[in-house]
Amino acid sequence: MRTLMTLGVTAVAAVALCACAAARSPAQLADQTTRAVYDLDYDRAVAGMDDSLKAQVTRAQIGALSDGMHNLGAYHGLTQSTSNPDAGRYDYIANFDRGTMLVLLRIDPTGKVGAYRITPTTQ
């Protein structure tokens, strides 16, 4: 499995990215995807994935992520943590009312989302 998400100890899900990766910056892609997952919008959440990644994502997985995000309150956007453009890797902190989550994004050489991983941060 190319991407994994962990919410707590029990939930593991493959997740993806929305929008056209070639036309948007990594920060925009990460934010749009995070908002789509938060909004429980499966179609927006998988729109920019490559075919292999898209085949791994289910509506139930998006739902589990959305539930975990809503447990933290309202979504307030991303703050960039680290980046390695040569490797297509970008890390962000997703900010919520009552906590944060780590968002890891990888864009493949074709401009498609190769990975989107979101995990709780340690408090």
N, C-alpha and C. Protein backbone atom coordinates (compact mmCIF):
# COMPACT_ATOMS: atom_id res chain seq x y z
N MET A 1 0.85 -1.16 0.00
CA MET A 1 0.00 0.00 0.00
C MET A 1 0.90 1.23 0.00
N ARG A 2 0.63 2.16 -0.88
CA ARG A 2 1.50 3.32 -1.05
C ARG A 2 1.28 4.39 -0.01
N THR A 3 0.11 4.49 0.54
CA THR A 3 -0.12 5.50 1.57
C THR A 3 -0.90 4.88 2.72
N LEU A 4 -0.62 5.37 3.91
CA LEU A 4 -1.34 4.90 5.09
C LEU A 4 -1.71 6.08 5.94
N MET A 5 -2.80 5.94 6.62
CA MET A 5 -3.25 6.94 7.57
C MET A 5 -3.53 6.22 8.87
N THR A 6 -3.13 6.84 9.98
CA THR A 6 -3.46 6.25 11.26
C THR A 6 -4.20 7.27 12.10
N LEU A 7 -5.34 6.91 12.59
CA LEU A 7 -6.06 7.71 13.57
C LEU A 7 -6.11 6.87 14.83
N GLY A 8 -5.40 7.33 15.86
CA GLY A 8 -5.28 6.52 17.06
C GLY A 8 -4.51 5.26 16.73
N VAL A 9 -4.92 4.15 17.32
CA VAL A 9 -4.25 2.88 17.10
C VAL A 9 -5.02 2.01 16.12
N THR A 10 -6.30 2.24 15.95
CA THR A 10 -7.13 1.28 15.23
C THR A 10 -7.43 1.60 13.78
N ALA A 11 -7.45 2.83 13.39
CA ALA A 11 -7.88 3.15 12.02
C ALA A 11 -6.69 3.32 11.10
N VAL A 12 -6.69 2.58 10.02
CA VAL A 12 -5.67 2.73 8.99
C VAL A 12 -6.39 2.85 7.67
N ALA A 13 -6.04 3.88 6.90
CA ALA A 13 -6.76 4.10 5.65
C ALA A 13 -5.84 4.70 4.61
N ALA A 14 -6.08 4.36 3.39
CA ALA A 14 -5.39 5.01 2.27
C ALA A 14 -6.18 6.25 1.90
N VAL A 15 -5.45 7.30 1.65
CA VAL A 15 -6.11 8.56 1.34
C VAL A 15 -5.42 9.19 0.15
N ALA A 16 -6.10 10.11 -0.48
CA ALA A 16 -5.54 10.72 -1.66
C ALA A 16 -5.77 12.20 -1.71
N LEU A 17 -5.42 12.77 -2.82
CA LEU A 17 -5.42 14.20 -2.99
C LEU A 17 -6.42 14.65 -4.03
N CYS A 18 -6.91 15.87 -3.90
CA CYS A 18 -7.86 16.39 -4.87
C CYS A 18 -7.19 17.41 -5.77
N ALA A 19 -7.88 17.77 -6.82
CA ALA A 19 -7.49 18.80 -7.77
C ALA A 19 -6.35 18.36 -8.67
N CYS A 20 -6.12 19.11 -9.65
CA CYS A 20 -5.08 18.79 -10.64
C CYS A 20 -3.72 19.20 -10.11
N ALA A 21 -2.86 18.24 -9.86
CA ALA A 21 -1.56 18.50 -9.24
C ALA A 21 -0.68 19.38 -10.11
N ALA A 22 -0.77 19.28 -11.41
CA ALA A 22 0.09 20.06 -12.29
C ALA A 22 -0.24 21.55 -12.25
N ALA A 23 -1.45 21.91 -11.91
CA ALA A 23 -1.88 23.30 -11.96
C ALA A 23 -1.82 24.02 -10.62
N ARG A 24 -1.53 23.33 -9.54
CA ARG A 24 -1.56 23.93 -8.22
C ARG A 24 -0.27 23.64 -7.45
N SER A 25 0.03 24.51 -6.51
CA SER A 25 1.22 24.30 -5.68
C SER A 25 0.97 23.16 -4.70
N PRO A 26 2.05 22.58 -4.17
CA PRO A 26 1.88 21.53 -3.16
C PRO A 26 1.04 22.01 -1.97
N ALA A 27 1.24 23.25 -1.53
CA ALA A 27 0.47 23.76 -0.40
C ALA A 27 -1.01 23.84 -0.73
N GLN A 28 -1.34 24.30 -1.93
CA GLN A 28 -2.74 24.36 -2.35
C GLN A 28 -3.34 22.96 -2.44
N LEU A 29 -2.59 22.03 -3.01
CA LEU A 29 -3.07 20.65 -3.12
C LEU A 29 -3.32 20.03 -1.75
N ALA A 30 -2.37 20.22 -0.84
CA ALA A 30 -2.52 19.66 0.50
C ALA A 30 -3.73 20.26 1.20
N ASP A 31 -3.91 21.58 1.09
CA ASP A 31 -5.05 22.23 1.73
C ASP A 31 -6.37 21.79 1.10
N GLN A 32 -6.43 21.73 -0.22
CA GLN A 32 -7.67 21.32 -0.89
C GLN A 32 -8.04 19.89 -0.53
N THR A 33 -7.08 19.03 -0.46
CA THR A 33 -7.35 17.64 -0.09
C THR A 33 -7.80 17.54 1.35
N THR A 34 -7.11 18.24 2.23
CA THR A 34 -7.47 18.20 3.64
C THR A 34 -8.88 18.74 3.84
N ARG A 35 -9.22 19.81 3.14
CA ARG A 35 -10.59 20.36 3.23
C ARG A 35 -11.61 19.37 2.67
N ALA A 36 -11.28 18.69 1.58
CA ALA A 36 -12.21 17.72 0.98
C ALA A 36 -12.45 16.55 1.93
N VAL A 37 -11.40 16.07 2.56
CA VAL A 37 -11.56 14.97 3.52
C VAL A 37 -12.38 15.45 4.71
N TYR A 38 -12.05 16.62 5.24
CA TYR A 38 -12.79 17.19 6.36
C TYR A 38 -14.28 17.32 6.02
N ASP A 39 -14.57 17.75 4.78
CA ASP A 39 -15.95 17.93 4.32
C ASP A 39 -16.63 16.62 3.93
N LEU A 40 -15.92 15.52 4.03
CA LEU A 40 -16.43 14.20 3.66
C LEU A 40 -16.87 14.18 2.19
N ASP A 41 -16.04 14.78 1.33
CA ASP A 41 -16.32 14.86 -0.10
C ASP A 41 -15.36 13.92 -0.83
N TYR A 42 -15.79 12.68 -1.01
CA TYR A 42 -14.95 11.65 -1.63
C TYR A 42 -14.45 12.07 -3.02
N ASP A 43 -15.34 12.57 -3.86
CA ASP A 43 -14.94 12.92 -5.23
C ASP A 43 -13.84 13.97 -5.26
N ARG A 44 -13.95 15.01 -4.44
CA ARG A 44 -12.89 16.03 -4.36
C ARG A 44 -11.62 15.43 -3.78
N ALA A 45 -11.76 14.51 -2.83
CA ALA A 45 -10.59 13.95 -2.16
C ALA A 45 -9.75 13.08 -3.09
N VAL A 46 -10.35 12.45 -4.08
CA VAL A 46 -9.62 11.53 -4.96
C VAL A 46 -9.35 12.10 -6.36
N ALA A 47 -9.78 13.31 -6.61
CA ALA A 47 -9.71 13.87 -7.96
C ALA A 47 -8.31 13.93 -8.56
N GLY A 48 -7.29 14.23 -7.79
CA GLY A 48 -5.95 14.41 -8.32
C GLY A 48 -5.00 13.24 -8.17
N MET A 49 -5.51 12.11 -7.74
CA MET A 49 -4.65 10.94 -7.51
C MET A 49 -4.27 10.25 -8.81
N ASP A 50 -3.15 9.56 -8.79
CA ASP A 50 -2.84 8.67 -9.90
C ASP A 50 -3.75 7.44 -9.78
N ASP A 51 -3.87 6.68 -10.87
CA ASP A 51 -4.81 5.56 -10.91
C ASP A 51 -4.53 4.50 -9.84
N SER A 52 -3.26 4.23 -9.58
CA SER A 52 -2.91 3.22 -8.58
C SER A 52 -3.38 3.64 -7.19
N LEU A 53 -3.14 4.87 -6.83
CA LEU A 53 -3.54 5.37 -5.53
C LEU A 53 -5.06 5.46 -5.43
N LYS A 54 -5.69 5.95 -6.48
CA LYS A 54 -7.14 6.08 -6.50
C LYS A 54 -7.83 4.74 -6.25
N ALA A 55 -7.25 3.66 -6.76
CA ALA A 55 -7.83 2.33 -6.59
C ALA A 55 -7.80 1.85 -5.14
N GLN A 56 -6.97 2.46 -4.31
CA GLN A 56 -6.81 2.04 -2.92
C GLN A 56 -7.77 2.73 -1.96
N VAL A 57 -8.35 3.82 -2.36
CA VAL A 57 -9.13 4.65 -1.45
C VAL A 57 -10.61 4.29 -1.49
N THR A 58 -11.21 4.18 -0.30
CA THR A 58 -12.64 3.91 -0.21
C THR A 58 -13.35 5.07 0.48
N ARG A 59 -14.66 5.11 0.28
CA ARG A 59 -15.47 6.12 0.97
C ARG A 59 -15.40 5.94 2.48
N ALA A 60 -15.33 4.71 2.93
CA ALA A 60 -15.23 4.44 4.38
C ALA A 60 -13.93 5.02 4.96
N GLN A 61 -12.85 4.92 4.21
CA GLN A 61 -11.57 5.46 4.68
C GLN A 61 -11.62 6.98 4.78
N ILE A 62 -12.22 7.62 3.78
CA ILE A 62 -12.38 9.07 3.82
C ILE A 62 -13.26 9.44 5.03
N GLY A 63 -14.31 8.66 5.27
CA GLY A 63 -15.18 8.90 6.41
C GLY A 63 -14.46 8.80 7.74
N ALA A 64 -13.60 7.80 7.88
CA ALA A 64 -12.85 7.63 9.12
C ALA A 64 -11.91 8.81 9.35
N LEU A 65 -11.26 9.27 8.30
CA LEU A 65 -10.39 10.45 8.42
C LEU A 65 -11.20 11.67 8.81
N SER A 66 -12.33 11.87 8.14
CA SER A 66 -13.17 13.03 8.41
C SER A 66 -13.63 13.03 9.87
N ASP A 67 -14.04 11.87 10.36
CA ASP A 67 -14.47 11.76 11.75
C ASP A 67 -13.34 12.15 12.71
N GLY A 68 -12.13 11.67 12.43
CA GLY A 68 -10.99 12.01 13.28
C GLY A 68 -10.68 13.49 13.26
N MET A 69 -10.83 14.11 12.11
CA MET A 69 -10.59 15.56 12.00
C MET A 69 -11.66 16.33 12.78
N HIS A 70 -12.92 15.93 12.60
CA HIS A 70 -14.01 16.63 13.29
C HIS A 70 -13.90 16.49 14.81
N ASN A 71 -13.30 15.41 15.29
CA ASN A 71 -13.06 15.27 16.72
C ASN A 71 -12.13 16.35 17.26
N LEU A 72 -11.33 16.93 16.37
CA LEU A 72 -10.41 18.00 16.76
C LEU A 72 -11.02 19.40 16.58
N GLY A 73 -12.24 19.47 16.08
CA GLY A 73 -12.90 20.76 15.91
C GLY A 73 -12.78 21.30 14.50
N ALA A 74 -12.98 22.59 14.36
CA ALA A 74 -12.95 23.25 13.05
C ALA A 74 -11.54 23.24 12.46
N TYR A 75 -11.47 23.09 11.15
CA TYR A 75 -10.20 23.11 10.42
C TYR A 75 -9.81 24.56 10.17
N HIS A 76 -8.51 24.89 10.46
CA HIS A 76 -8.03 26.26 10.31
C HIS A 76 -6.86 26.38 9.34
N GLY A 77 -6.67 25.43 8.46
CA GLY A 77 -5.62 25.53 7.47
C GLY A 77 -4.34 24.83 7.85
N LEU A 78 -3.35 24.99 6.96
CA LEU A 78 -2.06 24.29 7.10
C LEU A 78 -0.92 25.24 7.36
N THR A 79 0.09 24.71 8.03
CA THR A 79 1.37 25.40 8.20
C THR A 79 2.43 24.45 7.66
N GLN A 80 3.30 24.95 6.77
CA GLN A 80 4.34 24.07 6.22
C GLN A 80 5.36 23.73 7.30
N SER A 81 5.71 22.46 7.35
CA SER A 81 6.68 21.97 8.32
C SER A 81 8.04 21.80 7.65
N THR A 82 8.11 20.96 6.63
CA THR A 82 9.35 20.73 5.88
C THR A 82 9.01 20.50 4.42
N SER A 83 10.03 20.58 3.58
CA SER A 83 9.83 20.25 2.17
C SER A 83 11.13 19.77 1.56
N ASN A 84 10.98 18.94 0.53
CA ASN A 84 12.10 18.47 -0.27
C ASN A 84 11.59 18.41 -1.71
N PRO A 85 11.56 19.56 -2.40
CA PRO A 85 11.03 19.61 -3.75
C PRO A 85 11.71 18.64 -4.72
N ASP A 86 13.00 18.37 -4.54
CA ASP A 86 13.69 17.44 -5.43
C ASP A 86 13.10 16.03 -5.34
N ALA A 87 12.59 15.67 -4.17
CA ALA A 87 11.96 14.37 -3.97
C ALA A 87 10.44 14.45 -4.10
N GLY A 88 9.90 15.66 -4.28
CA GLY A 88 8.46 15.83 -4.37
C GLY A 88 7.75 15.63 -3.05
N ARG A 89 8.43 15.86 -1.93
CA ARG A 89 7.86 15.64 -0.59
C ARG A 89 7.63 16.96 0.12
N TYR A 90 6.44 17.05 0.72
CA TYR A 90 6.04 18.26 1.43
C TYR A 90 5.27 17.86 2.68
N ASP A 91 5.67 18.40 3.82
CA ASP A 91 5.03 18.08 5.10
C ASP A 91 4.38 19.34 5.67
N TYR A 92 3.18 19.16 6.21
CA TYR A 92 2.40 20.27 6.76
C TYR A 92 1.80 19.87 8.09
N ILE A 93 1.47 20.88 8.89
CA ILE A 93 0.69 20.68 10.10
C ILE A 93 -0.71 21.22 9.81
N ALA A 94 -1.72 20.36 9.96
CA ALA A 94 -3.12 20.77 9.83
C ALA A 94 -3.58 21.25 11.20
N ASN A 95 -4.09 22.46 11.24
CA ASN A 95 -4.47 23.09 12.51
C ASN A 95 -5.99 23.02 12.71
N PHE A 96 -6.39 22.59 13.90
CA PHE A 96 -7.79 22.47 14.29
C PHE A 96 -7.98 23.18 15.63
N ASP A 97 -9.23 23.36 16.04
CA ASP A 97 -9.52 24.01 17.32
C ASP A 97 -8.80 23.34 18.49
N ARG A 98 -8.81 22.01 18.50
CA ARG A 98 -8.31 21.28 19.67
C ARG A 98 -7.14 20.36 19.35
N GLY A 99 -6.34 20.73 18.38
CA GLY A 99 -5.17 19.91 18.10
C GLY A 99 -4.69 20.06 16.67
N THR A 100 -3.76 19.20 16.32
CA THR A 100 -3.16 19.23 14.99
C THR A 100 -3.01 17.81 14.45
N MET A 101 -2.80 17.74 13.15
CA MET A 101 -2.48 16.49 12.49
C MET A 101 -1.33 16.77 11.52
N LEU A 102 -0.53 15.75 11.26
CA LEU A 102 0.56 15.85 10.32
C LEU A 102 0.06 15.40 8.95
N VAL A 103 0.29 16.22 7.93
CA VAL A 103 -0.10 15.91 6.55
C VAL A 103 1.18 15.77 5.73
N LEU A 104 1.37 14.59 5.15
CA LEU A 104 2.55 14.31 4.33
C LEU A 104 2.09 14.15 2.89
N LEU A 105 2.68 14.89 1.99
CA LEU A 105 2.28 14.90 0.59
C LEU A 105 3.48 14.54 -0.28
N ARG A 106 3.24 13.66 -1.27
CA ARG A 106 4.27 13.38 -2.28
C ARG A 106 3.65 13.56 -3.65
N ILE A 107 4.30 14.36 -4.46
CA ILE A 107 3.85 14.58 -5.83
C ILE A 107 4.81 13.83 -6.75
N ASP A 108 4.27 13.01 -7.64
CA ASP A 108 5.12 12.22 -8.53
C ASP A 108 5.60 13.07 -9.70
N PRO A 109 6.54 12.58 -10.49
CA PRO A 109 7.11 13.37 -11.59
C PRO A 109 6.10 13.83 -12.64
N THR A 110 4.95 13.18 -12.74
CA THR A 110 3.94 13.59 -13.72
C THR A 110 3.03 14.68 -13.17
N GLY A 111 3.22 15.08 -11.92
CA GLY A 111 2.38 16.10 -11.32
C GLY A 111 1.15 15.55 -10.64
N LYS A 112 1.00 14.24 -10.62
CA LYS A 112 -0.11 13.61 -9.92
C LYS A 112 0.31 13.36 -8.47
N VAL A 113 -0.68 13.22 -7.63
CA VAL A 113 -0.41 12.92 -6.23
C VAL A 113 -0.04 11.45 -6.11
N GLY A 114 1.16 11.21 -5.63
CA GLY A 114 1.61 9.84 -5.42
C GLY A 114 1.31 9.35 -4.03
N ALA A 115 1.17 10.28 -3.07
CA ALA A 115 0.86 9.88 -1.69
C ALA A 115 0.31 11.06 -0.93
N TYR A 116 -0.63 10.77 -0.07
CA TYR A 116 -1.18 11.75 0.89
C TYR A 116 -1.41 10.97 2.16
N ARG A 117 -0.69 11.34 3.18
CA ARG A 117 -0.78 10.62 4.46
C ARG A 117 -1.10 11.62 5.54
N ILE A 118 -2.03 11.26 6.41
CA ILE A 118 -2.38 12.15 7.52
C ILE A 118 -2.41 11.34 8.81
N THR A 119 -1.74 11.84 9.81
CA THR A 119 -1.66 11.15 11.10
C THR A 119 -1.80 12.16 12.23
N PRO A 120 -2.29 11.71 13.37
CA PRO A 120 -2.33 12.61 14.54
C PRO A 120 -0.92 12.98 14.96
N THR A 121 -0.78 14.17 15.49
CA THR A 121 0.51 14.57 16.06
C THR A 121 0.48 14.27 17.54
N THR A 122 1.64 14.11 18.12
CA THR A 122 1.70 13.89 19.56
C THR A 122 1.53 15.23 20.25
N GLN A 123 0.74 15.23 21.28
CA GLN A 123 0.43 16.48 22.00
C GLN A 123 1.37 16.66 23.15
